[in-house]
Amino acid sequence: MRYVALLAALTALLLSFACGDTIVNVPVSPSTLPAGGVVVVTQAKIEFRSTGTPTSVRIRYSSPADGLAQVVTTLPYFASFTTTAPDMFLSLEGTPLIHGLLATSPFFSIQIMVDGKLFRESTSTNLFPETLQVSGTWRR
């Protein structure tokens, strides 16, 4: 019985040495600032654009200030905001309501621009009301 207890203790001791270490890195001082001591926060400009030949359209978009906004308007239509967020889900939807009577070559386009660069786009040349949708998660 004694030998079994001694053997179990020795086995436990040997197994404890075979286990790996858990390393936890805890900072001991504050992180350093970049050169000059100033943290630069850059803003990104998000633009929702809608252009084309319809005389009336319904536009839906999402922004931090407006939430989900819906506007019935004429074209061209532009809405924009700035953000310092590192990422953001963006969505834009457009539906032509009325084409002009003489619209022989209809065209409708919606775009999401980030800092002047195209992020998402959708276009249509259909005379019938066709909803266009674009969305995506933008990341810096």
C-alpha atoms as a PDB file:
ATOM      1  CA  MET A   1       0.000   0.000   0.000  1.00  0.00           C
ATOM      2  CA  ARG A   2       2.881   2.279   0.846  1.00  0.00           C
ATOM      3  CA  TYR A   3       4.530   1.579  -2.450  1.00  0.00           C
ATOM      4  CA  VAL A   4       1.373   2.453  -4.350  1.00  0.00           C
ATOM      5  CA  ALA A   5       1.133   5.843  -2.584  1.00  0.00           C
ATOM      6  CA  LEU A   6       4.850   6.512  -3.160  1.00  0.00           C
ATOM      7  CA  LEU A   7       4.553   5.506  -6.819  1.00  0.00           C
ATOM      8  CA  ALA A   8       1.502   7.759  -7.278  1.00  0.00           C
ATOM      9  CA  ALA A   9       3.330  10.721  -5.691  1.00  0.00           C
ATOM     10  CA  LEU A  10       6.400  10.199  -7.892  1.00  0.00           C
ATOM     11  CA  THR A  11       4.226   9.927 -11.006  1.00  0.00           C
ATOM     12  CA  ALA A  12       2.398  13.130 -10.138  1.00  0.00           C
ATOM     13  CA  LEU A  13       5.720  14.890  -9.522  1.00  0.00           C
ATOM     14  CA  LEU A  14       7.151  13.741 -12.868  1.00  0.00           C
ATOM     15  CA  LEU A  15       4.006  14.722 -14.755  1.00  0.00           C
ATOM     16  CA  SER A  16       4.033  18.192 -13.221  1.00  0.00           C
ATOM     17  CA  PHE A  17       7.517  18.778 -14.681  1.00  0.00           C
ATOM     18  CA  ALA A  18       6.344  17.592 -18.113  1.00  0.00           C
ATOM     19  CA  CYS A  19       3.561  20.184 -18.323  1.00  0.00           C
ATOM     20  CA  GLY A  20       4.221  23.405 -20.209  1.00  0.00           C
ATOM     21  CA  ASP A  21       4.352  26.810 -18.589  1.00  0.00           C
ATOM     22  CA  THR A  22       1.576  29.353 -18.904  1.00  0.00           C
ATOM     23  CA  ILE A  23       3.086  32.701 -19.794  1.00  0.00           C
ATOM     24  CA  VAL A  24       1.109  35.820 -18.972  1.00  0.00           C
ATOM     25  CA  ASN A  25       2.605  39.077 -20.170  1.00  0.00           C
ATOM     26  CA  VAL A  26       1.449  41.870 -17.915  1.00  0.00           C
ATOM     27  CA  PRO A  27       2.733  45.335 -18.776  1.00  0.00           C
ATOM     28  CA  VAL A  28       4.693  46.939 -15.979  1.00  0.00           C
ATOM     29  CA  SER A  29       4.568  50.450 -17.453  1.00  0.00           C
ATOM     30  CA  PRO A  30       2.257  52.449 -19.725  1.00  0.00           C
ATOM     31  CA  SER A  31       2.602  51.996 -23.467  1.00  0.00           C
ATOM     32  CA  THR A  32       4.679  54.612 -25.232  1.00  0.00           C
ATOM     33  CA  LEU A  33       3.264  57.340 -27.442  1.00  0.00           C
ATOM     34  CA  PRO A  34       4.416  57.836 -31.017  1.00  0.00           C
ATOM     35  CA  ALA A  35       7.068  60.448 -31.822  1.00  0.00           C
ATOM     36  CA  GLY A  36       6.016  63.885 -30.657  1.00  0.00           C
ATOM     37  CA  GLY A  37       3.728  62.473 -27.969  1.00  0.00           C
ATOM     38  CA  VAL A  38       0.563  63.012 -30.012  1.00  0.00           C
ATOM     39  CA  VAL A  39      -1.839  60.287 -31.055  1.00  0.00           C
ATOM     40  CA  VAL A  40      -3.293  61.097 -34.461  1.00  0.00           C
ATOM     41  CA  VAL A  41      -6.903  60.101 -35.022  1.00  0.00           C
ATOM     42  CA  THR A  42      -7.803  60.205 -38.696  1.00  0.00           C
ATOM     43  CA  GLN A  43     -11.315  60.770 -39.926  1.00  0.00           C
ATOM     44  CA  ALA A  44     -12.778  58.977 -42.899  1.00  0.00           C
ATOM     45  CA  LYS A  45     -15.411  60.651 -45.075  1.00  0.00           C
ATOM     46  CA  ILE A  46     -18.252  58.320 -46.088  1.00  0.00           C
ATOM     47  CA  GLU A  47     -20.427  59.463 -49.017  1.00  0.00           C
ATOM     48  CA  PHE A  48     -23.646  57.990 -50.376  1.00  0.00           C
ATOM     49  CA  ARG A  49     -24.259  59.004 -54.002  1.00  0.00           C
ATOM     50  CA  SER A  50     -27.160  58.430 -56.335  1.00  0.00           C
ATOM     51  CA  THR A  51     -27.307  59.633 -59.949  1.00  0.00           C
ATOM     52  CA  GLY A  52     -29.233  58.838 -63.105  1.00  0.00           C
ATOM     53  CA  THR A  53     -32.239  59.671 -65.251  1.00  0.00           C
ATOM     54  CA  PRO A  54     -35.192  58.922 -62.903  1.00  0.00           C
ATOM     55  CA  THR A  55     -37.086  62.056 -61.897  1.00  0.00           C
ATOM     56  CA  SER A  56     -37.988  60.629 -58.466  1.00  0.00           C
ATOM     57  CA  VAL A  57     -36.210  57.996 -56.347  1.00  0.00           C
ATOM     58  CA  ARG A  58     -36.418  56.465 -52.877  1.00  0.00           C
ATOM     59  CA  ILE A  59     -33.015  56.263 -51.163  1.00  0.00           C
ATOM     60  CA  ARG A  60     -32.300  54.318 -47.958  1.00  0.00           C
ATOM     61  CA  TYR A  61     -28.951  54.436 -46.200  1.00  0.00           C
ATOM     62  CA  SER A  62     -27.505  53.838 -42.755  1.00  0.00           C
ATOM     63  CA  SER A  63     -25.276  56.235 -40.844  1.00  0.00           C
ATOM     64  CA  PRO A  64     -24.329  56.702 -37.183  1.00  0.00           C
ATOM     65  CA  ALA A  65     -26.146  60.052 -36.998  1.00  0.00           C
ATOM     66  CA  ASP A  66     -29.357  59.123 -38.840  1.00  0.00           C
ATOM     67  CA  GLY A  67     -29.613  55.399 -38.206  1.00  0.00           C
ATOM     68  CA  LEU A  68     -31.577  53.978 -41.128  1.00  0.00           C
ATOM     69  CA  ALA A  69     -32.737  56.955 -43.184  1.00  0.00           C
ATOM     70  CA  GLN A  70     -35.218  56.976 -46.058  1.00  0.00           C
ATOM     71  CA  VAL A  71     -35.561  59.887 -48.462  1.00  0.00           C
ATOM     72  CA  VAL A  72     -37.776  60.400 -51.512  1.00  0.00           C
ATOM     73  CA  THR A  73     -35.954  62.907 -53.685  1.00  0.00           C
ATOM     74  CA  THR A  74     -34.797  63.955 -57.130  1.00  0.00           C
ATOM     75  CA  LEU A  75     -31.393  63.164 -58.584  1.00  0.00           C
ATOM     76  CA  PRO A  76     -28.552  63.677 -58.078  1.00  0.00           C
ATOM     77  CA  TYR A  77     -28.623  62.943 -54.343  1.00  0.00           C
ATOM     78  CA  PHE A  78     -25.623  63.026 -51.998  1.00  0.00           C
ATOM     79  CA  ALA A  79     -25.311  62.423 -48.254  1.00  0.00           C
ATOM     80  CA  SER A  80     -22.075  62.210 -46.256  1.00  0.00           C
ATOM     81  CA  PHE A  81     -20.632  61.968 -42.764  1.00  0.00           C
ATOM     82  CA  THR A  82     -17.222  61.569 -41.149  1.00  0.00           C
ATOM     83  CA  THR A  83     -16.140  58.898 -38.704  1.00  0.00           C
ATOM     84  CA  THR A  84     -13.112  57.880 -36.655  1.00  0.00           C
ATOM     85  CA  ALA A  85     -14.343  54.301 -36.251  1.00  0.00           C
ATOM     86  CA  PRO A  86     -11.897  51.572 -37.338  1.00  0.00           C
ATOM     87  CA  ASP A  87     -14.664  49.704 -39.176  1.00  0.00           C
ATOM     88  CA  MET A  88     -18.322  50.170 -39.998  1.00  0.00           C
ATOM     89  CA  PHE A  89     -21.140  48.358 -41.786  1.00  0.00           C
ATOM     90  CA  LEU A  90     -22.420  50.537 -44.642  1.00  0.00           C
ATOM     91  CA  SER A  91     -25.567  50.029 -46.700  1.00  0.00           C
ATOM     92  CA  LEU A  92     -27.280  51.961 -49.481  1.00  0.00           C
ATOM     93  CA  GLU A  93     -30.452  51.152 -51.387  1.00  0.00           C
ATOM     94  CA  GLY A  94     -32.123  53.049 -54.208  1.00  0.00           C
ATOM     95  CA  THR A  95     -35.411  52.539 -56.047  1.00  0.00           C
ATOM     96  CA  PRO A  96     -36.424  54.649 -59.059  1.00  0.00           C
ATOM     97  CA  LEU A  97     -40.048  55.723 -58.637  1.00  0.00           C
ATOM     98  CA  ILE A  98     -40.677  57.749 -61.810  1.00  0.00           C
ATOM     99  CA  HIS A  99     -38.776  57.895 -65.078  1.00  0.00           C
ATOM    100  CA  GLY A 100     -39.309  60.863 -67.334  1.00  0.00           C
ATOM    101  CA  LEU A 101     -41.795  60.459 -70.191  1.00  0.00           C
ATOM    102  CA  LEU A 102     -39.023  60.702 -72.773  1.00  0.00           C
ATOM    103  CA  ALA A 103     -36.562  58.354 -71.032  1.00  0.00           C
ATOM    104  CA  THR A 104     -35.340  56.281 -73.963  1.00  0.00           C
ATOM    105  CA  SER A 105     -32.089  55.216 -72.308  1.00  0.00           C
ATOM    106  CA  PRO A 106     -32.696  55.040 -68.559  1.00  0.00           C
ATOM    107  CA  PHE A 107     -29.743  54.888 -66.216  1.00  0.00           C
ATOM    108  CA  PHE A 108     -29.607  54.669 -62.425  1.00  0.00           C
ATOM    109  CA  SER A 109     -26.518  54.325 -60.209  1.00  0.00           C
ATOM    110  CA  ILE A 110     -25.818  54.195 -56.469  1.00  0.00           C
ATOM    111  CA  GLN A 111     -22.354  54.383 -54.914  1.00  0.00           C
ATOM    112  CA  ILE A 112     -20.701  54.320 -51.516  1.00  0.00           C
ATOM    113  CA  MET A 113     -17.467  56.312 -51.500  1.00  0.00           C
ATOM    114  CA  VAL A 114     -14.878  56.290 -48.687  1.00  0.00           C
ATOM    115  CA  ASP A 115     -12.351  59.136 -48.730  1.00  0.00           C
ATOM    116  CA  GLY A 116     -13.077  59.753 -52.406  1.00  0.00           C
ATOM    117  CA  LYS A 117     -12.507  56.116 -53.411  1.00  0.00           C
ATOM    118  CA  LEU A 118     -15.234  53.786 -54.630  1.00  0.00           C
ATOM    119  CA  PHE A 119     -16.219  51.225 -51.967  1.00  0.00           C
ATOM    120  CA  ARG A 120     -19.406  49.711 -53.483  1.00  0.00           C
ATOM    121  CA  GLU A 121     -21.461  50.445 -56.615  1.00  0.00           C
ATOM    122  CA  SER A 122     -24.533  49.188 -58.421  1.00  0.00           C
ATOM    123  CA  THR A 123     -26.079  50.370 -61.699  1.00  0.00           C
ATOM    124  CA  SER A 124     -29.158  49.615 -63.764  1.00  0.00           C
ATOM    125  CA  THR A 125     -30.359  50.479 -67.270  1.00  0.00           C
ATOM    126  CA  ASN A 126     -33.818  49.028 -66.754  1.00  0.00           C
ATOM    127  CA  LEU A 127     -36.897  51.162 -67.493  1.00  0.00           C
ATOM    128  CA  PHE A 128     -38.925  49.318 -64.840  1.00  0.00           C
ATOM    129  CA  PRO A 129     -38.477  50.199 -61.143  1.00  0.00           C
ATOM    130  CA  GLU A 130     -35.646  47.965 -59.981  1.00  0.00           C
ATOM    131  CA  THR A 131     -34.225  48.349 -56.482  1.00  0.00           C
ATOM    132  CA  LEU A 132     -30.438  48.546 -56.330  1.00  0.00           C
ATOM    133  CA  GLN A 133     -28.633  47.550 -53.132  1.00  0.00           C
ATOM    134  CA  VAL A 134     -25.016  47.714 -52.000  1.00  0.00           C
ATOM    135  CA  SER A 135     -23.552  47.000 -48.584  1.00  0.00           C
ATOM    136  CA  GLY A 136     -20.402  45.865 -46.871  1.00  0.00           C
ATOM    137  CA  THR A 137     -18.169  46.240 -43.863  1.00  0.00           C
ATOM    138  CA  TRP A 138     -15.581  48.929 -44.427  1.00  0.00           C
ATOM    139  CA  ARG A 139     -12.290  48.599 -42.546  1.00  0.00           C
ATOM    140  CA  ARG A 140      -9.365  51.007 -42.346  1.00  0.00           C
END
